[in-house]
Amino acid sequence: MDTSNPSVFVNAELLRLYVGRRVRAVIQVLSEGNGVIFGKSTDDNQITVKGSPPFPLSKFVEVIGIADTDKSIRADVWTNFGDSFGMLSSSIMLTLK
């Protein structure tokens, strides 16, 4: 595990606190086009993710990158989590932090 460039787990609500910093989020992909992914965060709010996603893109992905606005992430790491994932578990983890 690479610890040289840590990232903070965020949902859409927490993203605004980390603009300009490295973050990671799990999203449910709602739509995609022109290098932009629109997804639902673990708190059921929308996050926009910019970058070069893998192909094919699964329904649930983790993205790591820079929070460039309070509602968007410029991702450089994408991890497919498949087409079923426990979003509730991820939301609870963020709440406990």
PDB file of N, CA and C in Angstrom:
ATOM      1  N   MET A   1       0.843  -1.178   0.000  1.00  0.00           N
ATOM      2  CA  MET A   1       0.000   0.000   0.000  1.00  0.00           C
ATOM      3  C   MET A   1       0.889   1.243   0.000  1.00  0.00           C
ATOM      4  N   ASP A   2       0.576   2.162  -0.882  1.00  0.00           N
ATOM      5  CA  ASP A   2       1.350   3.395  -1.010  1.00  0.00           C
ATOM      6  C   ASP A   2       0.850   4.434  -0.009  1.00  0.00           C
ATOM      7  N   THR A   3       1.710   4.825   0.916  1.00  0.00           N
ATOM      8  CA  THR A   3       1.333   5.832   1.916  1.00  0.00           C
ATOM      9  C   THR A   3       2.014   7.173   1.664  1.00  0.00           C
ATOM     10  N   SER A   4       2.685   7.303   0.525  1.00  0.00           N
ATOM     11  CA  SER A   4       3.413   8.540   0.242  1.00  0.00           C
ATOM     12  C   SER A   4       2.487   9.693  -0.158  1.00  0.00           C
ATOM     13  N   ASN A   5       1.280   9.377  -0.596  1.00  0.00           N
ATOM     14  CA  ASN A   5       0.344  10.412  -1.031  1.00  0.00           C
ATOM     15  C   ASN A   5      -1.051  10.065  -0.512  1.00  0.00           C
ATOM     16  N   PRO A   6      -1.298  10.262   0.785  1.00  0.00           N
ATOM     17  CA  PRO A   6      -2.571   9.835   1.380  1.00  0.00           C
ATOM     18  C   PRO A   6      -3.761  10.628   0.852  1.00  0.00           C
ATOM     19  N   SER A   7      -4.926   9.991   0.930  1.00  0.00           N
ATOM     20  CA  SER A   7      -6.165  10.643   0.503  1.00  0.00           C
ATOM     21  C   SER A   7      -7.227  10.441   1.576  1.00  0.00           C
ATOM     22  N   VAL A   8      -8.129  11.391   1.677  1.00  0.00           N
ATOM     23  CA  VAL A   8      -9.194  11.373   2.672  1.00  0.00           C
ATOM     24  C   VAL A   8     -10.437  10.759   2.037  1.00  0.00           C
ATOM     25  N   PHE A   9     -11.098   9.820   2.735  1.00  0.00           N
ATOM     26  CA  PHE A   9     -12.382   9.294   2.270  1.00  0.00           C
ATOM     27  C   PHE A   9     -13.438  10.373   2.419  1.00  0.00           C
ATOM     28  N   VAL A  10     -14.175  10.638   1.351  1.00  0.00           N
ATOM     29  CA  VAL A  10     -15.222  11.663   1.395  1.00  0.00           C
ATOM     30  C   VAL A  10     -16.501  11.153   0.740  1.00  0.00           C
ATOM     31  N   ASN A  11     -17.592  11.808   1.095  1.00  0.00           N
ATOM     32  CA  ASN A  11     -18.834  11.684   0.341  1.00  0.00           C
ATOM     33  C   ASN A  11     -19.107  13.080  -0.219  1.00  0.00           C
ATOM     34  N   ALA A  12     -20.255  13.281  -0.852  1.00  0.00           N
ATOM     35  CA  ALA A  12     -20.532  14.587  -1.472  1.00  0.00           C
ATOM     36  C   ALA A  12     -20.574  15.715  -0.448  1.00  0.00           C
ATOM     37  N   GLU A  13     -21.121  15.441   0.720  1.00  0.00           N
ATOM     38  CA  GLU A  13     -21.216  16.478   1.757  1.00  0.00           C
ATOM     39  C   GLU A  13     -19.841  16.883   2.277  1.00  0.00           C
ATOM     40  N   LEU A  14     -18.950  15.917   2.461  1.00  0.00           N
ATOM     41  CA  LEU A  14     -17.617  16.207   2.996  1.00  0.00           C
ATOM     42  C   LEU A  14     -16.662  16.782   1.952  1.00  0.00           C
ATOM     43  N   LEU A  15     -16.956  16.582   0.679  1.00  0.00           N
ATOM     44  CA  LEU A  15     -16.048  17.005  -0.392  1.00  0.00           C
ATOM     45  C   LEU A  15     -15.703  18.487  -0.308  1.00  0.00           C
ATOM     46  N   ARG A  16     -16.654  19.319   0.055  1.00  0.00           N
ATOM     47  CA  ARG A  16     -16.433  20.778   0.118  1.00  0.00           C
ATOM     48  C   ARG A  16     -15.343  21.161   1.116  1.00  0.00           C
ATOM     49  N   LEU A  17     -15.095  20.296   2.100  1.00  0.00           N
ATOM     50  CA  LEU A  17     -14.077  20.578   3.117  1.00  0.00           C
ATOM     51  C   LEU A  17     -12.658  20.312   2.622  1.00  0.00           C
ATOM     52  N   TYR A  18     -12.531  19.644   1.479  1.00  0.00           N
ATOM     53  CA  TYR A  18     -11.218  19.202   1.016  1.00  0.00           C
ATOM     54  C   TYR A  18     -10.873  19.681  -0.397  1.00  0.00           C
ATOM     55  N   VAL A  19     -11.467  20.774  -0.845  1.00  0.00           N
ATOM     56  CA  VAL A  19     -11.167  21.311  -2.174  1.00  0.00           C
ATOM     57  C   VAL A  19      -9.670  21.617  -2.261  1.00  0.00           C
ATOM     58  N   GLY A  20      -9.051  21.128  -3.329  1.00  0.00           N
ATOM     59  CA  GLY A  20      -7.616  21.312  -3.524  1.00  0.00           C
ATOM     60  C   GLY A  20      -6.767  20.217  -2.909  1.00  0.00           C
ATOM     61  N   ARG A  21      -7.396  19.283  -2.212  1.00  0.00           N
ATOM     62  CA  ARG A  21      -6.651  18.195  -1.556  1.00  0.00           C
ATOM     63  C   ARG A  21      -6.980  16.855  -2.202  1.00  0.00           C
ATOM     64  N   ARG A  22      -6.136  15.878  -1.921  1.00  0.00           N
ATOM     65  CA  ARG A  22      -6.321  14.526  -2.466  1.00  0.00           C
ATOM     66  C   ARG A  22      -7.410  13.806  -1.672  1.00  0.00           C
ATOM     67  N   VAL A  23      -8.389  13.265  -2.396  1.00  0.00           N
ATOM     68  CA  VAL A  23      -9.533  12.594  -1.772  1.00  0.00           C
ATOM     69  C   VAL A  23      -9.815  11.277  -2.488  1.00  0.00           C
ATOM     70  N   ARG A  24     -10.639  10.459  -1.839  1.00  0.00           N
ATOM     71  CA  ARG A  24     -11.151   9.243  -2.472  1.00  0.00           C
ATOM     72  C   ARG A  24     -12.619   9.129  -2.142  1.00  0.00           C
ATOM     73  N   ALA A  25     -13.377   8.598  -3.089  1.00  0.00           N
ATOM     74  CA  ALA A  25     -14.819   8.450  -2.897  1.00  0.00           C
ATOM     75  C   ALA A  25     -15.301   7.210  -3.634  1.00  0.00           C
ATOM     76  N   VAL A  26     -16.340   6.607  -3.106  1.00  0.00           N
ATOM     77  CA  VAL A  26     -17.021   5.512  -3.784  1.00  0.00           C
ATOM     78  C   VAL A  26     -18.313   6.087  -4.349  1.00  0.00           C
ATOM     79  N   ILE A  27     -18.538   5.849  -5.635  1.00  0.00           N
ATOM     80  CA  ILE A  27     -19.748   6.377  -6.269  1.00  0.00           C
ATOM     81  C   ILE A  27     -20.471   5.283  -7.049  1.00  0.00           C
ATOM     82  N   GLN A  28     -21.756   5.495  -7.221  1.00  0.00           N
ATOM     83  CA  GLN A  28     -22.556   4.691  -8.137  1.00  0.00           C
ATOM     84  C   GLN A  28     -22.659   5.493  -9.427  1.00  0.00           C
ATOM     85  N   VAL A  29     -22.202   4.924 -10.523  1.00  0.00           N
ATOM     86  CA  VAL A  29     -22.198   5.633 -11.801  1.00  0.00           C
ATOM     87  C   VAL A  29     -23.629   5.787 -12.304  1.00  0.00           C
ATOM     88  N   LEU A  30     -24.021   7.038 -12.563  1.00  0.00           N
ATOM     89  CA  LEU A  30     -25.356   7.331 -13.090  1.00  0.00           C
ATOM     90  C   LEU A  30     -25.322   7.547 -14.594  1.00  0.00           C
ATOM     91  N   SER A  31     -24.311   8.292 -15.064  1.00  0.00           N
ATOM     92  CA  SER A  31     -24.149   8.520 -16.501  1.00  0.00           C
ATOM     93  C   SER A  31     -22.709   8.925 -16.772  1.00  0.00           C
ATOM     94  N   GLU A  32     -22.337   8.846 -18.041  1.00  0.00           N
ATOM     95  CA  GLU A  32     -20.968   9.192 -18.427  1.00  0.00           C
ATOM     96  C   GLU A  32     -20.943   9.756 -19.835  1.00  0.00           C
ATOM     97  N   GLY A  33     -19.937  10.592 -20.076  1.00  0.00           N
ATOM     98  CA  GLY A  33     -19.758  11.137 -21.412  1.00  0.00           C
ATOM     99  C   GLY A  33     -18.669  12.180 -21.450  1.00  0.00           C
ATOM    100  N   ASN A  34     -17.857  12.158 -22.514  1.00  0.00           N
ATOM    101  CA  ASN A  34     -16.783  13.140 -22.724  1.00  0.00           C
ATOM    102  C   ASN A  34     -15.824  13.251 -21.550  1.00  0.00           C
ATOM    103  N   GLY A  35     -15.453  12.125 -20.952  1.00  0.00           N
ATOM    104  CA  GLY A  35     -14.499  12.143 -19.850  1.00  0.00           C
ATOM    105  C   GLY A  35     -15.061  12.621 -18.533  1.00  0.00           C
ATOM    106  N   VAL A  36     -16.391  12.739 -18.436  1.00  0.00           N
ATOM    107  CA  VAL A  36     -17.034  13.171 -17.194  1.00  0.00           C
ATOM    108  C   VAL A  36     -18.023  12.094 -16.756  1.00  0.00           C
ATOM    109  N   ILE A  37     -17.925  11.721 -15.490  1.00  0.00           N
ATOM    110  CA  ILE A  37     -18.834  10.738 -14.907  1.00  0.00           C
ATOM    111  C   ILE A  37     -19.713  11.461 -13.897  1.00  0.00           C
ATOM    112  N   PHE A  38     -21.004  11.215 -13.972  1.00  0.00           N
ATOM    113  CA  PHE A  38     -21.934  11.728 -12.974  1.00  0.00           C
ATOM    114  C   PHE A  38     -22.314  10.552 -12.099  1.00  0.00           C
ATOM    115  N   GLY A  39     -22.073  10.691 -10.790  1.00  0.00           N
ATOM    116  CA  GLY A  39     -22.323   9.578  -9.895  1.00  0.00           C
ATOM    117  C   GLY A  39     -23.009   9.995  -8.619  1.00  0.00           C
ATOM    118  N   LYS A  40     -23.564   8.995  -7.959  1.00  0.00           N
ATOM    119  CA  LYS A  40     -24.219   9.210  -6.673  1.00  0.00           C
ATOM    120  C   LYS A  40     -23.264   8.758  -5.581  1.00  0.00           C
ATOM    121  N   SER A  41     -23.009   9.639  -4.642  1.00  0.00           N
ATOM    122  CA  SER A  41     -22.119   9.370  -3.523  1.00  0.00           C
ATOM    123  C   SER A  41     -22.832   8.507  -2.482  1.00  0.00           C
ATOM    124  N   THR A  42     -22.092   8.084  -1.478  1.00  0.00           N
ATOM    125  CA  THR A  42     -22.663   7.243  -0.421  1.00  0.00           C
ATOM    126  C   THR A  42     -23.713   7.966   0.401  1.00  0.00           C
ATOM    127  N   ASP A  43     -23.774   9.300   0.322  1.00  0.00           N
ATOM    128  CA  ASP A  43     -24.808  10.059   1.040  1.00  0.00           C
ATOM    129  C   ASP A  43     -25.969  10.441   0.113  1.00  0.00           C
ATOM    130  N   ASP A  44     -26.050   9.781  -1.050  1.00  0.00           N
ATOM    131  CA  ASP A  44     -27.122   9.975  -2.037  1.00  0.00           C
ATOM    132  C   ASP A  44     -27.097  11.331  -2.736  1.00  0.00           C
ATOM    133  N   ASN A  45     -26.003  12.051  -2.660  1.00  0.00           N
ATOM    134  CA  ASN A  45     -25.845  13.313  -3.384  1.00  0.00           C
ATOM    135  C   ASN A  45     -24.946  13.087  -4.592  1.00  0.00           C
ATOM    136  N   GLN A  46     -25.036  13.969  -5.573  1.00  0.00           N
ATOM    137  CA  GLN A  46     -24.294  13.790  -6.814  1.00  0.00           C
ATOM    138  C   GLN A  46     -22.881  14.349  -6.733  1.00  0.00           C
ATOM    139  N   ILE A  47     -21.953  13.607  -7.325  1.00  0.00           N
ATOM    140  CA  ILE A  47     -20.562  14.033  -7.494  1.00  0.00           C
ATOM    141  C   ILE A  47     -20.229  13.888  -8.979  1.00  0.00           C
ATOM    142  N   THR A  48     -19.509  14.859  -9.508  1.00  0.00           N
ATOM    143  CA  THR A  48     -19.009  14.794 -10.877  1.00  0.00           C
ATOM    144  C   THR A  48     -17.541  14.400 -10.809  1.00  0.00           C
ATOM    145  N   VAL A  49     -17.153  13.435 -11.640  1.00  0.00           N
ATOM    146  CA  VAL A  49     -15.764  12.973 -11.654  1.00  0.00           C
ATOM    147  C   VAL A  49     -15.211  13.147 -13.060  1.00  0.00           C
ATOM    148  N   LYS A  50     -14.072  13.829 -13.146  1.00  0.00           N
ATOM    149  CA  LYS A  50     -13.414  14.073 -14.431  1.00  0.00           C
ATOM    150  C   LYS A  50     -12.161  13.214 -14.496  1.00  0.00           C
ATOM    151  N   GLY A  51     -11.796  12.795 -15.691  1.00  0.00           N
ATOM    152  CA  GLY A  51     -10.589  11.999 -15.847  1.00  0.00           C
ATOM    153  C   GLY A  51     -10.748  10.959 -16.934  1.00  0.00           C
ATOM    154  N   SER A  52      -9.920   9.929 -16.864  1.00  0.00           N
ATOM    155  CA  SER A  52      -9.937   8.855 -17.858  1.00  0.00           C
ATOM    156  C   SER A  52     -10.328   7.548 -17.184  1.00  0.00           C
ATOM    157  N   PRO A  53     -11.625   7.248 -17.131  1.00  0.00           N
ATOM    158  CA  PRO A  53     -12.064   6.027 -16.461  1.00  0.00           C
ATOM    159  C   PRO A  53     -11.677   4.782 -17.253  1.00  0.00           C
ATOM    160  N   PRO A  54     -11.588   3.643 -16.566  1.00  0.00           N
ATOM    161  CA  PRO A  54     -11.291   2.392 -17.263  1.00  0.00           C
ATOM    162  C   PRO A  54     -12.478   1.986 -18.139  1.00  0.00           C
ATOM    163  N   PHE A  55     -12.202   1.147 -19.114  1.00  0.00           N
ATOM    164  CA  PHE A  55     -13.281   0.623 -19.943  1.00  0.00           C
ATOM    165  C   PHE A  55     -13.236  -0.887 -19.873  1.00  0.00           C
ATOM    166  N   PRO A  56     -14.319  -1.561 -19.592  1.00  0.00           N
ATOM    167  CA  PRO A  56     -15.629  -0.992 -19.275  1.00  0.00           C
ATOM    168  C   PRO A  56     -15.678  -0.483 -17.840  1.00  0.00           C
ATOM    169  N   LEU A  57     -16.526   0.465 -17.602  1.00  0.00           N
ATOM    170  CA  LEU A  57     -16.714   1.047 -16.275  1.00  0.00           C
ATOM    171  C   LEU A  57     -17.853   0.309 -15.586  1.00  0.00           C
ATOM    172  N   SER A  58     -17.609  -0.151 -14.349  1.00  0.00           N
ATOM    173  CA  SER A  58     -18.667  -0.865 -13.629  1.00  0.00           C
ATOM    174  C   SER A  58     -19.646   0.126 -13.003  1.00  0.00           C
ATOM    175  N   LYS A  59     -20.704  -0.394 -12.426  1.00  0.00           N
ATOM    176  CA  LYS A  59     -21.745   0.452 -11.830  1.00  0.00           C
ATOM    177  C   LYS A  59     -21.241   1.172 -10.578  1.00  0.00           C
ATOM    178  N   PHE A  60     -20.323   0.539  -9.835  1.00  0.00           N
ATOM    179  CA  PHE A  60     -19.756   1.142  -8.630  1.00  0.00           C
ATOM    180  C   PHE A  60     -18.252   1.258  -8.795  1.00  0.00           C
ATOM    181  N   VAL A  61     -17.702   2.440  -8.506  1.00  0.00           N
ATOM    182  CA  VAL A  61     -16.265   2.665  -8.628  1.00  0.00           C
ATOM    183  C   VAL A  61     -15.752   3.483  -7.447  1.00  0.00           C
ATOM    184  N   GLU A  62     -14.480   3.262  -7.148  1.00  0.00           N
ATOM    185  CA  GLU A  62     -13.783   4.142  -6.213  1.00  0.00           C
ATOM    186  C   GLU A  62     -12.884   5.030  -7.061  1.00  0.00           C
ATOM    187  N   VAL A  63     -12.894   6.317  -6.761  1.00  0.00           N
ATOM    188  CA  VAL A  63     -12.025   7.253  -7.466  1.00  0.00           C
ATOM    189  C   VAL A  63     -11.112   7.939  -6.452  1.00  0.00           C
ATOM    190  N   ILE A  64      -9.886   8.190  -6.881  1.00  0.00           N
ATOM    191  CA  ILE A  64      -8.914   8.911  -6.062  1.00  0.00           C
ATOM    192  C   ILE A  64      -8.364  10.035  -6.925  1.00  0.00           C
ATOM    193  N   GLY A  65      -8.349  11.234  -6.358  1.00  0.00           N
ATOM    194  CA  GLY A  65      -7.848  12.374  -7.109  1.00  0.00           C
ATOM    195  C   GLY A  65      -7.966  13.649  -6.303  1.00  0.00           C
ATOM    196  N   ILE A  66      -7.911  14.770  -6.982  1.00  0.00           N
ATOM    197  CA  ILE A  66      -7.963  16.081  -6.343  1.00  0.00           C
ATOM    198  C   ILE A  66      -9.394  16.618  -6.398  1.00  0.00           C
ATOM    199  N   ALA A  67      -9.897  17.061  -5.257  1.00  0.00           N
ATOM    200  CA  ALA A  67     -11.209  17.721  -5.217  1.00  0.00           C
ATOM    201  C   ALA A  67     -11.030  19.096  -5.843  1.00  0.00           C
ATOM    202  N   ASP A  68     -11.533  19.268  -7.069  1.00  0.00           N
ATOM    203  CA  ASP A  68     -11.308  20.561  -7.723  1.00  0.00           C
ATOM    204  C   ASP A  68     -12.437  21.556  -7.501  1.00  0.00           C
ATOM    205  N   THR A  69     -13.611  21.097  -7.073  1.00  0.00           N
ATOM    206  CA  THR A  69     -14.675  21.991  -6.599  1.00  0.00           C
ATOM    207  C   THR A  69     -15.392  21.273  -5.459  1.00  0.00           C
ATOM    208  N   ASP A  70     -16.403  21.914  -4.903  1.00  0.00           N
ATOM    209  CA  ASP A  70     -17.131  21.279  -3.802  1.00  0.00           C
ATOM    210  C   ASP A  70     -18.043  20.152  -4.276  1.00  0.00           C
ATOM    211  N   LYS A  71     -18.141  19.943  -5.590  1.00  0.00           N
ATOM    212  CA  LYS A  71     -18.979  18.873  -6.141  1.00  0.00           C
ATOM    213  C   LYS A  71     -18.265  18.020  -7.180  1.00  0.00           C
ATOM    214  N   SER A  72     -16.937  18.202  -7.347  1.00  0.00           N
ATOM    215  CA  SER A  72     -16.253  17.422  -8.380  1.00  0.00           C
ATOM    216  C   SER A  72     -14.848  17.010  -7.969  1.00  0.00           C
ATOM    217  N   ILE A  73     -14.433  15.891  -8.548  1.00  0.00           N
ATOM    218  CA  ILE A  73     -13.108  15.318  -8.312  1.00  0.00           C
ATOM    219  C   ILE A  73     -12.438  15.126  -9.663  1.00  0.00           C
ATOM    220  N   ARG A  74     -11.175  15.504  -9.765  1.00  0.00           N
ATOM    221  CA  ARG A  74     -10.351  15.223 -10.943  1.00  0.00           C
ATOM    222  C   ARG A  74      -9.556  13.960 -10.613  1.00  0.00           C
ATOM    223  N   ALA A  75     -10.042  12.815 -11.077  1.00  0.00           N
ATOM    224  CA  ALA A  75      -9.505  11.516 -10.669  1.00  0.00           C
ATOM    225  C   ALA A  75      -8.319  11.077 -11.515  1.00  0.00           C
ATOM    226  N   ASP A  76      -7.327  10.482 -10.839  1.00  0.00           N
ATOM    227  CA  ASP A  76      -6.218   9.867 -11.556  1.00  0.00           C
ATOM    228  C   ASP A  76      -6.139   8.366 -11.279  1.00  0.00           C
ATOM    229  N   VAL A  77      -6.910   7.883 -10.306  1.00  0.00           N
ATOM    230  CA  VAL A  77      -6.981   6.447 -10.016  1.00  0.00           C
ATOM    231  C   VAL A  77      -8.453   6.043  -9.990  1.00  0.00           C
ATOM    232  N   TRP A  78      -8.776   4.994 -10.724  1.00  0.00           N
ATOM    233  CA  TRP A  78     -10.145   4.470 -10.795  1.00  0.00           C
ATOM    234  C   TRP A  78     -10.088   2.987 -10.463  1.00  0.00           C
ATOM    235  N   THR A  79     -10.980   2.528  -9.597  1.00  0.00           N
ATOM    236  CA  THR A  79     -11.063   1.106  -9.277  1.00  0.00           C
ATOM    237  C   THR A  79     -12.503   0.648  -9.444  1.00  0.00           C
ATOM    238  N   ASN A  80     -12.721  -0.291 -10.360  1.00  0.00           N
ATOM    239  CA  ASN A  80     -14.050  -0.861 -10.532  1.00  0.00           C
ATOM    240  C   ASN A  80     -14.382  -1.744  -9.337  1.00  0.00           C
ATOM    241  N   PHE A  81     -15.562  -1.561  -8.769  1.00  0.00           N
ATOM    242  CA  PHE A  81     -16.037  -2.387  -7.662  1.00  0.00           C
ATOM    243  C   PHE A  81     -17.131  -3.347  -8.101  1.00  0.00           C
ATOM    244  N   GLY A  82     -17.426  -3.414  -9.377  1.00  0.00           N
ATOM    245  CA  GLY A  82     -18.447  -4.325  -9.881  1.00  0.00           C
ATOM    246  C   GLY A  82     -19.814  -3.662  -9.957  1.00  0.00           C
ATOM    247  N   ASP A  83     -20.827  -4.507 -10.154  1.00  0.00           N
ATOM    248  CA  ASP A  83     -22.173  -3.981 -10.353  1.00  0.00           C
ATOM    249  C   ASP A  83     -23.069  -4.098  -9.134  1.00  0.00           C
ATOM    250  N   SER A  84     -22.539  -4.611  -8.034  1.00  0.00           N
ATOM    251  CA  SER A  84     -23.285  -4.593  -6.763  1.00  0.00           C
ATOM    252  C   SER A  84     -22.283  -4.313  -5.653  1.00  0.00           C
ATOM    253  N   PHE A  85     -22.655  -3.415  -4.771  1.00  0.00           N
ATOM    254  CA  PHE A  85     -21.728  -2.973  -3.732  1.00  0.00           C
ATOM    255  C   PHE A  85     -22.526  -2.417  -2.574  1.00  0.00           C
ATOM    256  N   GLY A  86     -22.045  -2.601  -1.342  1.00  0.00           N
ATOM    257  CA  GLY A  86     -22.747  -2.113  -0.156  1.00  0.00           C
ATOM    258  C   GLY A  86     -22.485  -0.642   0.104  1.00  0.00           C
ATOM    259  N   MET A  87     -23.226   0.240  -0.560  1.00  0.00           N
ATOM    260  CA  MET A  87     -23.051   1.686  -0.367  1.00  0.00           C
ATOM    261  C   MET A  87     -23.381   2.089   1.062  1.00  0.00           C
ATOM    262  N   LEU A  88     -24.322   1.400   1.700  1.00  0.00           N
ATOM    263  CA  LEU A  88     -24.681   1.718   3.079  1.00  0.00           C
ATOM    264  C   LEU A  88     -23.484   1.524   3.993  1.00  0.00           C
ATOM    265  N   SER A  89     -22.721   0.456   3.788  1.00  0.00           N
ATOM    266  CA  SER A  89     -21.530   0.209   4.603  1.00  0.00           C
ATOM    267  C   SER A  89     -20.520   1.337   4.459  1.00  0.00           C
ATOM    268  N   SER A  90     -20.315   1.807   3.239  1.00  0.00           N
ATOM    269  CA  SER A  90     -19.380   2.909   3.008  1.00  0.00           C
ATOM    270  C   SER A  90     -19.858   4.183   3.665  1.00  0.00           C
ATOM    271  N   SER A  91     -21.150   4.429   3.616  1.00  0.00           N
ATOM    272  CA  SER A  91     -21.713   5.624   4.241  1.00  0.00           C
ATOM    273  C   SER A  91     -21.535   5.579   5.751  1.00  0.00           C
ATOM    274  N   ILE A  92     -21.745   4.419   6.346  1.00  0.00           N
ATOM    275  CA  ILE A  92     -21.574   4.263   7.795  1.00  0.00           C
ATOM    276  C   ILE A  92     -20.120   4.489   8.182  1.00  0.00           C
ATOM    277  N   MET A  93     -19.168   3.979   7.381  1.00  0.00           N
ATOM    278  CA  MET A  93     -17.746   4.187   7.680  1.00  0.00           C
ATOM    279  C   MET A  93     -17.410   5.667   7.702  1.00  0.00           C
ATOM    280  N   LEU A  94     -17.941   6.436   6.766  1.00  0.00           N
ATOM    281  CA  LEU A  94     -17.665   7.871   6.720  1.00  0.00           C
ATOM    282  C   LEU A  94     -18.275   8.587   7.911  1.00  0.00           C
ATOM    283  N   THR A  95     -19.435   8.135   8.355  1.00  0.00           N
ATOM    284  CA  THR A  95     -20.111   8.752   9.490  1.00  0.00           C
ATOM    285  C   THR A  95     -19.344   8.514  10.780  1.00  0.00           C
ATOM    286  N   LEU A  96     -18.703   7.366  10.903  1.00  0.00           N
ATOM    287  CA  LEU A  96     -17.984   7.011  12.124  1.00  0.00           C
ATOM    288  C   LEU A  96     -16.660   7.737  12.262  1.00  0.00           C
ATOM    289  N   LYS A  97     -16.139   8.287  11.192  1.00  0.00           N
ATOM    290  CA  LYS A  97     -14.825   8.957  11.237  1.00  0.00           C
ATOM    291  C   LYS A  97     -14.832  10.172  12.107  1.00  0.00           C
TER     292      LYS A  97
END
